[in-house]
Amino acid sequence: MELFWYVVAALGAGIGTGLAGLSAATVMVPILYVLCPSFGGEVGAYQATAVALASDILGSAITTWTYIRYKNIDLRRGWIMFACIVSMCVVGSLAAHRAGNVVLGGSLIFIKYVLM
């Protein structure tokens, strides 16, 4: 059954990213954390977030390669966005580390029920 939820999370992340530009984390993390037993426990929320962000990176790399291939990208202005994203990722990671797994997991469950 857990494999089914992996596929559902991946499909939801792909569709959300492709159609609406969402991060894969918005779909994958709640599904993995709440419905998959292997992501339970003390570090389950961190593991689910890491898997979702890794899939975001892979998807972004493929999209960037496609844009570069068809010459539809402006790399000079992209560096500003890159610097902002990296700095906010560091800030968010430090905040998540200090918040702890209970706060992170509880907020994910709350968001899941609000959005569903």
C-alpha atoms as a PDB file:
ATOM      1  CA  MET A   1       0.000   0.000   0.000  1.00  0.00           C
ATOM      2  CA  GLU A   2       2.903   2.320   0.700  1.00  0.00           C
ATOM      3  CA  LEU A   3       4.094   2.011  -2.907  1.00  0.00           C
ATOM      4  CA  PHE A   4       0.657   3.239  -4.012  1.00  0.00           C
ATOM      5  CA  TRP A   5       1.062   6.400  -1.907  1.00  0.00           C
ATOM      6  CA  TYR A   6       4.538   6.967  -3.353  1.00  0.00           C
ATOM      7  CA  VAL A   7       3.049   6.893  -6.853  1.00  0.00           C
ATOM      8  CA  VAL A   8       0.161   9.179  -5.844  1.00  0.00           C
ATOM      9  CA  ALA A   9       2.593  11.655  -4.263  1.00  0.00           C
ATOM     10  CA  ALA A  10       4.835  11.626  -7.341  1.00  0.00           C
ATOM     11  CA  LEU A  11       1.921  12.084  -9.744  1.00  0.00           C
ATOM     12  CA  GLY A  12       0.453  14.887  -7.644  1.00  0.00           C
ATOM     13  CA  ALA A  13       3.813  16.615  -7.459  1.00  0.00           C
ATOM     14  CA  GLY A  14       4.373  16.292 -11.206  1.00  0.00           C
ATOM     15  CA  ILE A  15       0.927  17.583 -12.099  1.00  0.00           C
ATOM     16  CA  GLY A  16       1.110  20.420  -9.557  1.00  0.00           C
ATOM     17  CA  THR A  17       4.549  21.454 -10.746  1.00  0.00           C
ATOM     18  CA  GLY A  18       3.707  21.213 -14.432  1.00  0.00           C
ATOM     19  CA  LEU A  19       0.308  22.902 -14.412  1.00  0.00           C
ATOM     20  CA  ALA A  20       0.472  25.374 -11.551  1.00  0.00           C
ATOM     21  CA  GLY A  21       4.184  25.849 -10.855  1.00  0.00           C
ATOM     22  CA  LEU A  22       3.852  24.476  -7.321  1.00  0.00           C
ATOM     23  CA  SER A  23       6.728  23.007  -5.430  1.00  0.00           C
ATOM     24  CA  ALA A  24       6.650  19.239  -5.185  1.00  0.00           C
ATOM     25  CA  ALA A  25       6.925  19.667  -1.426  1.00  0.00           C
ATOM     26  CA  THR A  26       3.394  21.087  -1.215  1.00  0.00           C
ATOM     27  CA  VAL A  27       1.966  17.769  -2.388  1.00  0.00           C
ATOM     28  CA  MET A  28       4.554  15.162  -1.449  1.00  0.00           C
ATOM     29  CA  VAL A  29       5.354  16.069   2.150  1.00  0.00           C
ATOM     30  CA  PRO A  30       1.817  15.757   3.591  1.00  0.00           C
ATOM     31  CA  ILE A  31       1.150  12.512   1.702  1.00  0.00           C
ATOM     32  CA  LEU A  32       4.453  10.916   2.670  1.00  0.00           C
ATOM     33  CA  TYR A  33       4.345  12.057   6.285  1.00  0.00           C
ATOM     34  CA  VAL A  34       0.719  11.220   7.020  1.00  0.00           C
ATOM     35  CA  LEU A  35       0.024   8.156   4.880  1.00  0.00           C
ATOM     36  CA  CYS A  36       3.356   6.304   4.656  1.00  0.00           C
ATOM     37  CA  PRO A  37       4.488   4.413   7.770  1.00  0.00           C
ATOM     38  CA  SER A  38       8.164   4.478   6.803  1.00  0.00           C
ATOM     39  CA  PHE A  39       8.133   8.292   7.102  1.00  0.00           C
ATOM     40  CA  GLY A  40       6.761   8.193  10.632  1.00  0.00           C
ATOM     41  CA  GLY A  41       8.851   8.429  13.724  1.00  0.00           C
ATOM     42  CA  GLU A  42      11.121  11.091  15.030  1.00  0.00           C
ATOM     43  CA  VAL A  43      12.657  12.292  11.757  1.00  0.00           C
ATOM     44  CA  GLY A  44       9.828  11.434   9.343  1.00  0.00           C
ATOM     45  CA  ALA A  45       8.922  15.028   8.526  1.00  0.00           C
ATOM     46  CA  TYR A  46      12.540  15.843   7.729  1.00  0.00           C
ATOM     47  CA  GLN A  47      12.873  12.775   5.499  1.00  0.00           C
ATOM     48  CA  ALA A  48       9.641  13.550   3.646  1.00  0.00           C
ATOM     49  CA  THR A  49      10.783  17.142   3.121  1.00  0.00           C
ATOM     50  CA  ALA A  50      14.198  15.983   1.870  1.00  0.00           C
ATOM     51  CA  VAL A  51      12.622  13.589  -0.658  1.00  0.00           C
ATOM     52  CA  ALA A  52      10.252  16.283  -1.900  1.00  0.00           C
ATOM     53  CA  LEU A  53      13.011  18.880  -2.236  1.00  0.00           C
ATOM     54  CA  ALA A  54      15.248  16.396  -4.047  1.00  0.00           C
ATOM     55  CA  SER A  55      12.471  15.802  -6.570  1.00  0.00           C
ATOM     56  CA  ASP A  56      12.074  19.591  -6.913  1.00  0.00           C
ATOM     57  CA  ILE A  57      15.766  19.929  -7.704  1.00  0.00           C
ATOM     58  CA  LEU A  58      15.638  17.179 -10.321  1.00  0.00           C
ATOM     59  CA  GLY A  59      12.533  18.678 -11.924  1.00  0.00           C
ATOM     60  CA  SER A  60      14.068  22.156 -11.932  1.00  0.00           C
ATOM     61  CA  ALA A  61      17.275  20.843 -13.498  1.00  0.00           C
ATOM     62  CA  ILE A  62      15.353  19.159 -16.319  1.00  0.00           C
ATOM     63  CA  THR A  63      13.247  22.276 -16.882  1.00  0.00           C
ATOM     64  CA  THR A  64      16.346  24.488 -16.936  1.00  0.00           C
ATOM     65  CA  TRP A  65      18.056  22.183 -19.425  1.00  0.00           C
ATOM     66  CA  THR A  66      14.973  22.364 -21.675  1.00  0.00           C
ATOM     67  CA  TYR A  67      14.859  26.179 -21.465  1.00  0.00           C
ATOM     68  CA  ILE A  68      18.576  26.435 -22.256  1.00  0.00           C
ATOM     69  CA  ARG A  69      18.197  24.018 -25.156  1.00  0.00           C
ATOM     70  CA  TYR A  70      15.549  26.225 -26.783  1.00  0.00           C
ATOM     71  CA  LYS A  71      17.270  29.480 -25.725  1.00  0.00           C
ATOM     72  CA  ASN A  72      14.362  30.704 -23.595  1.00  0.00           C
ATOM     73  CA  ILE A  73      16.296  31.671 -20.486  1.00  0.00           C
ATOM     74  CA  ASP A  74      18.030  34.816 -19.221  1.00  0.00           C
ATOM     75  CA  LEU A  75      20.889  33.688 -16.991  1.00  0.00           C
ATOM     76  CA  ARG A  76      22.030  37.217 -16.077  1.00  0.00           C
ATOM     77  CA  ARG A  77      18.831  38.033 -14.173  1.00  0.00           C
ATOM     78  CA  GLY A  78      18.533  34.449 -12.956  1.00  0.00           C
ATOM     79  CA  TRP A  79      21.505  34.868 -10.624  1.00  0.00           C
ATOM     80  CA  ILE A  80      19.554  37.383  -8.511  1.00  0.00           C
ATOM     81  CA  MET A  81      16.738  34.890  -8.064  1.00  0.00           C
ATOM     82  CA  PHE A  82      19.270  32.129  -7.350  1.00  0.00           C
ATOM     83  CA  ALA A  83      20.865  34.160  -4.543  1.00  0.00           C
ATOM     84  CA  CYS A  84      17.460  34.921  -2.998  1.00  0.00           C
ATOM     85  CA  ILE A  85      16.346  31.289  -3.163  1.00  0.00           C
ATOM     86  CA  VAL A  86      19.542  29.937  -1.620  1.00  0.00           C
ATOM     87  CA  SER A  87      19.475  32.472   1.221  1.00  0.00           C
ATOM     88  CA  MET A  88      15.805  31.738   2.023  1.00  0.00           C
ATOM     89  CA  CYS A  89      16.496  27.980   1.906  1.00  0.00           C
ATOM     90  CA  VAL A  90      19.214  28.433   4.513  1.00  0.00           C
ATOM     91  CA  VAL A  91      16.902  30.532   6.705  1.00  0.00           C
ATOM     92  CA  GLY A  92      14.052  28.024   6.335  1.00  0.00           C
ATOM     93  CA  SER A  93      16.333  25.095   7.133  1.00  0.00           C
ATOM     94  CA  LEU A  94      17.598  26.763  10.289  1.00  0.00           C
ATOM     95  CA  ALA A  95      14.026  27.595  11.353  1.00  0.00           C
ATOM     96  CA  ALA A  96      12.883  24.008  10.728  1.00  0.00           C
ATOM     97  CA  HIS A  97      15.849  22.675  12.696  1.00  0.00           C
ATOM     98  CA  ARG A  98      15.030  24.871  15.676  1.00  0.00           C
ATOM     99  CA  ALA A  99      11.276  24.178  15.483  1.00  0.00           C
ATOM    100  CA  GLY A 100      11.667  20.438  15.872  1.00  0.00           C
ATOM    101  CA  ASN A 101       9.853  17.494  14.315  1.00  0.00           C
ATOM    102  CA  VAL A 102       6.662  17.834  16.377  1.00  0.00           C
ATOM    103  CA  VAL A 103       6.023  21.411  15.226  1.00  0.00           C
ATOM    104  CA  LEU A 104       6.990  20.619  11.631  1.00  0.00           C
ATOM    105  CA  GLY A 105       4.871  17.463  11.465  1.00  0.00           C
ATOM    106  CA  GLY A 106       1.924  19.048  13.279  1.00  0.00           C
ATOM    107  CA  SER A 107       1.868  21.999  10.914  1.00  0.00           C
ATOM    108  CA  LEU A 108       1.930  19.644   7.928  1.00  0.00           C
ATOM    109  CA  ILE A 109      -1.064  17.729   9.238  1.00  0.00           C
ATOM    110  CA  PHE A 110      -2.902  21.004   9.944  1.00  0.00           C
ATOM    111  CA  ILE A 111      -2.201  22.304   6.433  1.00  0.00           C
ATOM    112  CA  LYS A 112      -3.315  18.997   4.924  1.00  0.00           C
ATOM    113  CA  TYR A 113      -6.696  19.177   6.647  1.00  0.00           C
ATOM    114  CA  VAL A 114      -7.166  22.852   5.814  1.00  0.00           C
ATOM    115  CA  LEU A 115      -6.414  22.293   2.121  1.00  0.00           C
ATOM    116  CA  MET A 116      -8.294  19.021   1.708  1.00  0.00           C
END
